[in-house]
């Protein structure tokens, strides 16, 4: 008995649908495994080191420090001139307006070698109005141990702009800080040790036992059992090659291994200053009843002029103030919130309340106190 064309078309359509679903599942699985170890962890010992220095910026257009209010600027200028062979008589009050005392900061990356350049950030520490157009004089940059690791010098790039005239002024962005691209030269490197007898440690960016276990499983699947071991929820120990020449290739493969992350811990972050609320997709709300209402007090003042009835009655015109106090109370209501197990349902349930962002802050805090908010509440 020959199969009907309709049956063949339906079977072909079912096979096509199954293939499409399989492809979509493969894309979903690949998307879920798109997190690399490079994005999840760092190598213990491979880190940056902050540098700091104190220097002078010269060449300002009369917008430098006022010497009377910032005596350290004059002292620094006197010391610098003495080092250059210029003697300033003691007690001389130098009225310079083109000099500003600044703090210079930079970050020394791992494996930095002498001769490399760094970007530096220059920030005014006095009362200079602007650093625009200034030049930073040679400034030693020191580490936490007090040793000099770089020297900074160059012309500042200030992103702000401003103008003033006749007591009025306008300013865009910050004028008391700027950057110097490649403005520092490394004079001394910091030894970076990240391996001891082939043992290398990875530090996760966030402490999570599930993530640590998944990273260990992915590494052992790639390199063999026993290569990776989780010491705790943050540190993972690797047994790599002892030869330093082979460790670079080994770590390159380690960083590009993809790891599937477990569901994140449910968290709601509230910014009390801006009224913003951010929550992740694992937040859950249990069934609850919410009653809320707004109470506002409005105080207004109105000035009125009282004049005498007749022009020649001997009275005088006075100004009186009338103060009005009004209390407004919006009608409160009880809203029923059902259990919401995903982010879309949580947002839909909160929007159904019709509350303002400020009301939402209080509602979420009360839900957490009542045990109906299944998430960590963090207020910043």
Protein backbone atom coordinates (compact mmCIF):
# COMPACT_ATOMS: atom_id res chain seq x y z
CA UNK A 1 0.00 0.00 0.00
CA UNK A 2 1.62 3.28 -1.11
CA UNK A 3 1.94 6.09 1.37
CA UNK A 4 -0.18 9.12 0.68
CA UNK A 5 1.51 12.38 -0.28
CA UNK A 6 -0.11 14.08 2.70
CA UNK A 7 1.42 11.57 5.08
CA UNK A 8 4.85 12.02 3.54
CA UNK A 9 4.61 15.80 3.81
CA UNK A 10 3.50 15.58 7.45
CA UNK A 11 6.33 13.24 8.33
CA UNK A 12 8.80 15.52 6.58
CA UNK A 13 7.39 18.49 8.47
CA UNK A 14 7.74 16.67 11.79
CA UNK A 15 11.34 15.75 11.00
CA UNK A 16 12.07 19.39 10.08
CA UNK A 17 10.46 20.58 13.32
CA UNK A 18 12.52 18.13 15.37
CA UNK A 19 15.69 19.27 13.61
CA UNK A 20 14.84 22.91 14.28
CA UNK A 21 14.15 22.21 17.95
CA UNK A 22 17.43 20.31 18.23
CA UNK A 23 19.27 23.22 16.66
CA UNK A 24 17.59 25.67 19.03
CA UNK A 25 18.48 23.48 22.00
CA UNK A 26 22.08 23.33 20.79
CA UNK A 27 22.17 27.12 20.50
CA UNK A 28 20.67 27.48 23.98
CA UNK A 29 23.23 25.07 25.45
CA UNK A 30 26.08 26.83 23.70
CA UNK A 31 24.78 30.19 24.94
CA UNK A 32 24.54 28.82 28.46
CA UNK A 33 28.19 27.65 28.21
CA UNK A 34 29.49 30.95 26.80
CA UNK A 35 31.18 32.00 30.05
CA UNK A 36 34.93 31.59 29.84
CA UNK A 37 37.19 30.99 32.80
CA UNK A 38 38.98 34.19 31.77
CA UNK A 39 35.78 36.10 32.61
CA UNK A 40 35.12 34.20 35.84
CA UNK A 41 38.51 34.04 37.55
CA UNK A 42 41.99 35.49 37.72
CA UNK A 43 45.38 33.90 38.27
CA UNK A 44 46.66 34.31 41.80
CA UNK A 45 49.75 36.52 41.81
CA UNK A 46 49.01 38.21 38.48
CA UNK A 47 47.83 41.63 39.60
CA UNK A 48 48.28 45.36 39.16
CA UNK A 49 50.06 47.60 41.66
CA UNK A 50 48.91 51.18 42.39
CA UNK A 51 51.45 53.99 42.14
CA UNK A 52 51.22 57.52 43.53
CA UNK A 53 53.28 60.68 43.36
CA UNK A 54 53.22 64.39 44.19
CA UNK A 55 54.17 66.93 41.54
CA UNK A 56 53.70 70.36 40.05
CA UNK A 57 51.80 71.45 36.97
CA UNK A 58 53.08 74.60 35.27
CA UNK A 59 52.05 76.66 32.27
CA UNK A 60 48.53 77.44 33.46
CA UNK A 61 46.79 80.57 32.23
CA UNK A 62 46.45 82.28 35.59
CA UNK A 63 44.26 79.47 36.95
CA UNK A 64 46.79 77.94 39.33
CA UNK A 65 46.86 77.72 43.12
CA UNK A 66 46.61 80.82 45.27
CA UNK A 67 49.88 80.75 47.18
CA UNK A 68 48.50 82.34 50.34
CA UNK A 69 45.89 79.61 50.72
CA UNK A 70 48.09 76.72 49.57
CA UNK A 71 51.55 77.22 51.16
CA UNK A 72 52.70 73.73 50.15
CA UNK A 73 52.66 74.83 46.50
CA UNK A 74 55.17 77.61 47.21
CA UNK A 75 57.29 75.27 49.31
CA UNK A 76 57.37 72.66 46.54
CA UNK A 77 58.25 75.29 43.95
CA UNK A 78 61.10 76.60 46.12
CA UNK A 79 62.50 73.09 46.62
CA UNK A 80 62.31 72.34 42.90
CA UNK A 81 64.10 75.56 41.98
CA UNK A 82 66.83 74.87 44.52
CA UNK A 83 67.44 71.45 42.94
CA UNK A 84 67.82 73.18 39.58
CA UNK A 85 70.39 75.62 41.00
CA UNK A 86 68.05 78.58 41.52
CA UNK A 87 68.22 80.06 45.01
CA UNK A 88 65.13 81.85 46.28
CA UNK A 89 65.76 84.18 49.26
CA UNK A 90 64.16 82.95 52.45
CA UNK A 91 60.86 84.63 53.23
CA UNK A 92 60.17 85.55 49.62
CA UNK A 93 56.45 85.48 48.87
CA UNK A 94 56.17 84.31 45.28
CA UNK A 95 52.87 85.43 43.77
CA UNK A 96 52.69 82.85 40.99
CA UNK A 97 49.35 81.97 39.41
CA UNK A 98 50.50 79.51 36.76
CA UNK A 99 51.53 76.65 39.09
CA UNK A 100 49.36 74.01 40.77
CA UNK A 101 50.18 71.20 43.17
CA UNK A 102 48.77 67.87 41.99
CA UNK A 103 48.62 64.21 42.90
CA UNK A 104 49.59 61.76 40.17
CA UNK A 105 48.29 58.18 40.16
CA UNK A 106 48.89 55.21 37.88
CA UNK A 107 48.59 51.42 37.86
CA UNK A 108 51.62 49.25 37.24
CA UNK A 109 50.44 46.11 35.40
CA UNK A 110 51.83 42.65 35.98
CA UNK A 111 54.97 41.68 34.02
CA UNK A 112 55.76 45.37 33.32
CA UNK A 113 59.35 45.93 32.25
CA UNK A 114 61.55 49.05 32.36
CA UNK A 115 60.94 51.27 29.38
CA UNK A 116 57.24 50.58 29.03
CA UNK A 117 54.81 53.49 29.26
CA UNK A 118 51.76 53.95 31.48
CA UNK A 119 48.76 56.27 31.47
CA UNK A 120 48.64 58.60 34.46
CA UNK A 121 45.83 60.55 36.10
CA UNK A 122 46.60 64.05 37.41
CA UNK A 123 44.32 65.62 40.06
CA UNK A 124 44.60 69.04 41.68
CA UNK A 125 45.02 69.08 45.46
CA UNK A 126 44.96 72.85 45.94
CA UNK A 127 42.50 75.55 44.90
CA UNK A 128 43.48 75.78 41.24
CA UNK A 129 40.57 76.76 39.04
CA UNK A 130 41.67 74.72 36.03
CA UNK A 131 44.54 72.49 34.88
CA UNK A 132 43.74 73.02 31.24
CA UNK A 133 46.85 73.63 29.14
CA UNK A 134 49.24 72.67 31.94
CA UNK A 135 52.39 70.56 31.82
CA UNK A 136 53.29 68.09 34.53
CA UNK A 137 56.93 68.31 35.61
CA UNK A 138 58.92 65.14 36.22
CA UNK A 139 57.22 63.31 39.09
CA UNK A 140 58.45 60.08 40.71
CA UNK A 141 55.70 57.49 41.16
CA UNK A 142 56.13 55.28 44.21
CA UNK A 143 54.60 52.02 45.33
CA UNK A 144 53.35 50.99 48.75
CA UNK A 145 56.92 50.17 49.82
CA UNK A 146 58.13 53.72 49.08
CA UNK A 147 60.32 52.75 46.12
CA UNK A 148 60.14 54.58 42.78
CA UNK A 149 58.75 52.43 39.96
CA UNK A 150 57.99 55.04 37.27
CA UNK A 151 58.57 58.65 36.27
CA UNK A 152 55.70 60.80 34.94
CA UNK A 153 55.89 63.94 32.82
CA UNK A 154 53.97 65.49 29.95
CA UNK A 155 51.13 67.70 28.79
CA UNK A 156 47.72 67.26 30.37
CA UNK A 157 44.55 66.45 28.51
CA UNK A 158 41.57 67.96 30.33
CA UNK A 159 38.14 66.98 29.03
CA UNK A 160 36.22 69.85 30.64
CA UNK A 161 35.69 73.41 29.50
CA UNK A 162 34.65 76.61 31.24
CA UNK A 163 34.40 80.38 30.93
CA UNK A 164 33.64 83.26 33.28
CA UNK A 165 33.05 86.98 32.93
CA UNK A 166 31.40 89.69 34.97
CA UNK A 167 30.79 87.45 37.95
CA UNK A 168 29.03 84.77 35.86
CA UNK A 169 30.61 81.45 34.95
CA UNK A 170 29.77 78.28 33.06
CA UNK A 171 31.56 74.96 33.32
CA UNK A 172 31.25 71.61 31.57
CA UNK A 173 32.71 68.53 33.28
CA UNK A 174 35.67 68.68 35.66
CA UNK A 175 38.55 71.10 35.08
CA UNK A 176 40.70 70.14 38.07
CA UNK A 177 41.76 66.77 36.73
CA UNK A 178 43.20 65.31 33.57
CA UNK A 179 45.15 62.42 32.07
CA UNK A 180 48.44 62.01 30.26
CA UNK A 181 48.38 59.15 27.78
CA UNK A 182 51.64 57.18 28.01
CA UNK A 183 52.80 59.86 30.42
CA UNK A 184 54.93 57.64 32.68
CA UNK A 185 57.94 55.46 31.93
CA UNK A 186 58.49 52.32 34.00
CA UNK A 187 61.86 52.37 35.74
CA UNK A 188 61.52 49.16 37.74
CA UNK A 189 59.39 46.06 37.34
CA UNK A 190 57.68 44.03 40.02
CA UNK A 191 58.56 40.30 40.08
CA UNK A 192 55.42 38.29 39.36
CA UNK A 193 55.34 34.74 40.72
CA UNK A 194 52.21 32.75 39.92
CA UNK A 195 53.54 29.19 39.85
CA UNK A 196 55.42 27.05 42.33
CA UNK A 197 56.58 23.66 41.06
CA UNK A 198 53.82 23.75 38.46
CA UNK A 199 51.05 24.49 40.98
CA UNK A 200 48.87 27.44 39.88
CA UNK A 201 45.87 28.84 41.71
CA UNK A 202 42.80 30.46 40.19
CA UNK A 203 40.70 32.93 42.18
CA UNK A 204 37.04 33.27 41.23
CA UNK A 205 35.69 36.80 41.01
CA UNK A 206 32.74 35.82 43.23
CA UNK A 207 32.67 33.19 45.93
CA UNK A 208 30.31 30.43 44.82
CA UNK A 209 30.71 26.71 45.49
CA UNK A 210 28.58 25.77 42.49
CA UNK A 211 30.71 27.83 40.12
CA UNK A 212 33.91 26.41 41.63
CA UNK A 213 32.64 22.86 41.14
CA UNK A 214 31.65 23.52 37.53
CA UNK A 215 35.05 25.07 36.78
CA UNK A 216 36.83 22.06 38.28
CA UNK A 217 34.67 19.65 36.26
CA UNK A 218 35.35 21.55 33.02
CA UNK A 219 39.11 21.63 33.65
CA UNK A 220 39.35 17.94 34.54
CA UNK A 221 37.30 17.07 31.46
CA UNK A 222 39.73 19.01 29.27
CA UNK A 223 43.08 18.03 30.85
CA UNK A 224 42.30 14.84 32.75
CA UNK A 225 41.24 13.87 36.26
CA UNK A 226 43.18 15.38 39.14
CA UNK A 227 44.42 18.45 37.28
CA UNK A 228 42.03 20.83 39.09
CA UNK A 229 40.94 20.78 42.72
CA UNK A 230 38.63 23.22 44.50
CA UNK A 231 40.21 24.34 47.78
CA UNK A 232 37.09 26.31 48.77
CA UNK A 233 34.33 28.29 47.13
CA UNK A 234 36.78 30.77 45.62
CA UNK A 235 40.23 29.21 45.06
CA UNK A 236 40.93 26.43 42.56
CA UNK A 237 44.32 24.72 42.44
CA UNK A 238 45.78 23.57 39.12
CA UNK A 239 48.63 21.16 38.50
CA UNK A 240 50.25 22.48 35.35
CA UNK A 241 53.56 21.86 33.62
CA UNK A 242 56.72 22.53 35.60
CA UNK A 243 58.52 24.03 32.60
CA UNK A 244 57.85 27.82 32.58
CA UNK A 245 57.89 27.83 28.78
CA UNK A 246 54.91 25.45 28.69
CA UNK A 247 52.89 27.25 31.36
CA UNK A 248 51.90 30.10 29.03
CA UNK A 249 50.27 27.73 26.53
CA UNK A 250 48.65 25.80 29.39
CA UNK A 251 47.11 28.91 30.95
CA UNK A 252 45.95 30.13 27.54
CA UNK A 253 43.94 26.94 27.12
CA UNK A 254 42.65 27.20 30.70
CA UNK A 255 41.36 30.77 30.24
CA UNK A 256 39.37 29.91 27.10
CA UNK A 257 37.53 26.90 28.52
CA UNK A 258 33.79 27.54 28.69
CA UNK A 259 31.91 26.85 31.91
CA UNK A 260 28.18 26.61 32.51
CA UNK A 261 27.23 28.72 35.52
CA UNK A 262 24.68 27.63 38.12
CA UNK A 263 21.69 29.92 38.82
CA UNK A 264 22.79 33.09 40.60
CA UNK A 265 21.72 33.85 44.15
CA UNK A 266 18.50 35.85 44.17
CA UNK A 267 19.24 39.48 44.94
CA UNK A 268 17.44 42.82 44.83
CA UNK A 269 19.62 45.96 44.86
CA UNK A 270 18.00 49.24 45.90
CA UNK A 271 19.65 52.62 45.47
CA UNK A 272 18.04 54.82 48.12
CA UNK A 273 19.47 58.01 46.60
CA UNK A 274 18.17 57.58 43.06
CA UNK A 275 15.19 55.34 43.79
CA UNK A 276 16.32 52.68 41.30
CA UNK A 277 15.58 48.99 41.85
CA UNK A 278 17.47 46.19 40.09
CA UNK A 279 16.76 42.48 40.52
CA UNK A 280 18.08 39.34 38.87
CA UNK A 281 16.02 36.61 37.25
CA UNK A 282 16.02 34.26 40.26
CA UNK A 283 14.00 36.62 42.46
CA UNK A 284 10.75 35.09 43.70
CA UNK A 285 7.77 36.60 45.51
CA UNK A 286 5.47 34.52 47.67
CA UNK A 287 1.74 35.16 47.85
CA UNK A 288 1.03 38.23 49.97
CA UNK A 289 -1.42 41.08 50.52
CA UNK A 290 -0.11 44.65 50.34
CA UNK A 291 -1.83 47.84 51.51
CA UNK A 292 -0.24 51.18 50.80
CA UNK A 293 -1.27 54.81 50.58
CA UNK A 294 0.39 58.21 50.32
CA UNK A 295 0.19 61.01 52.85
CA UNK A 296 1.57 64.40 51.82
CA UNK A 297 1.69 67.78 53.53
CA UNK A 298 1.74 70.92 51.36
CA UNK A 299 2.83 74.23 52.90
CA UNK A 300 2.48 77.36 50.78
CA UNK A 301 3.13 81.03 51.54
CA UNK A 302 1.43 83.94 49.84
CA UNK A 303 2.34 87.60 50.24
CA UNK A 304 -0.49 90.12 50.29
CA UNK A 305 -0.40 93.93 50.26
CA UNK A 306 -2.65 95.75 52.75
CA UNK A 307 -3.47 99.40 51.94
CA UNK A 308 -5.56 101.99 53.89
CA UNK A 309 -9.12 102.56 52.75
CA UNK A 310 -8.67 106.30 52.14
CA UNK A 311 -5.54 107.99 50.79
CA UNK A 312 -5.32 110.63 53.55
CA UNK A 313 -6.40 108.59 56.56
CA UNK A 314 -2.88 108.47 57.97
CA UNK A 315 -2.45 104.73 57.41
CA UNK A 316 0.42 103.04 55.60
CA UNK A 317 0.83 100.19 53.18
CA UNK A 318 2.18 96.93 54.67
CA UNK A 319 3.02 93.52 53.27
CA UNK A 320 1.59 90.50 55.08
CA UNK A 321 2.22 86.80 54.61
CA UNK A 322 -0.51 84.18 54.69
CA UNK A 323 0.57 80.59 55.27
CA UNK A 324 -1.65 77.74 54.07
CA UNK A 325 -1.11 74.20 55.31
CA UNK A 326 -2.89 71.42 53.42
CA UNK A 327 -2.78 67.70 54.15
CA UNK A 328 -3.53 65.31 51.32
CA UNK A 329 -4.13 61.63 51.81
CA UNK A 330 -4.51 59.32 48.81
CA UNK A 331 -6.91 56.48 49.18
CA UNK A 332 -5.06 53.36 50.25
CA UNK A 333 -5.92 49.96 48.85
CA UNK A 334 -5.18 46.33 49.57
CA UNK A 335 -3.59 44.49 46.64
CA UNK A 336 -3.27 40.75 46.30
CA UNK A 337 0.09 39.57 44.94
CA UNK A 338 0.26 35.97 43.82
CA UNK A 339 3.34 33.78 43.89
CA UNK A 340 5.74 34.79 41.12
CA UNK A 341 8.50 32.36 40.22
CA UNK A 342 10.28 34.22 37.44
CA UNK A 343 11.39 37.77 36.72
CA UNK A 344 8.64 38.55 34.21
CA UNK A 345 5.94 37.56 36.70
CA UNK A 346 7.62 39.54 39.49
CA UNK A 347 7.75 42.70 37.34
CA UNK A 348 4.15 42.20 36.24
CA UNK A 349 2.99 41.76 39.84
CA UNK A 350 4.82 44.87 41.05
CA UNK A 351 3.54 46.95 38.15
CA UNK A 352 0.00 45.86 38.95
CA UNK A 353 0.30 47.65 42.29
CA UNK A 354 0.63 50.99 40.50
CA UNK A 355 3.19 52.16 43.05
CA UNK A 356 5.76 54.86 42.43
CA UNK A 357 9.48 53.96 42.62
CA UNK A 358 9.70 55.45 46.10
CA UNK A 359 6.71 53.37 47.20
CA UNK A 360 8.33 50.32 45.66
CA UNK A 361 11.35 50.72 47.94
CA UNK A 362 9.19 50.48 51.04
CA UNK A 363 7.08 47.67 49.60
CA UNK A 364 10.14 45.51 48.87
CA UNK A 365 11.55 46.12 52.35
CA UNK A 366 8.24 45.17 53.94
CA UNK A 367 7.98 42.07 51.74
CA UNK A 368 11.43 41.02 52.89
CA UNK A 369 10.48 41.56 56.55
CA UNK A 370 7.30 39.54 56.07
CA UNK A 371 9.22 36.66 54.46
CA UNK A 372 7.45 37.01 51.11
CA UNK A 373 10.50 38.19 49.15
CA UNK A 374 12.75 35.25 48.35
CA UNK A 375 15.91 37.21 47.69
CA UNK A 376 18.73 39.08 49.38
CA UNK A 377 17.91 42.76 49.79
CA UNK A 378 20.89 45.07 49.37
CA UNK A 379 20.50 48.82 49.92
CA UNK A 380 23.27 51.09 48.62
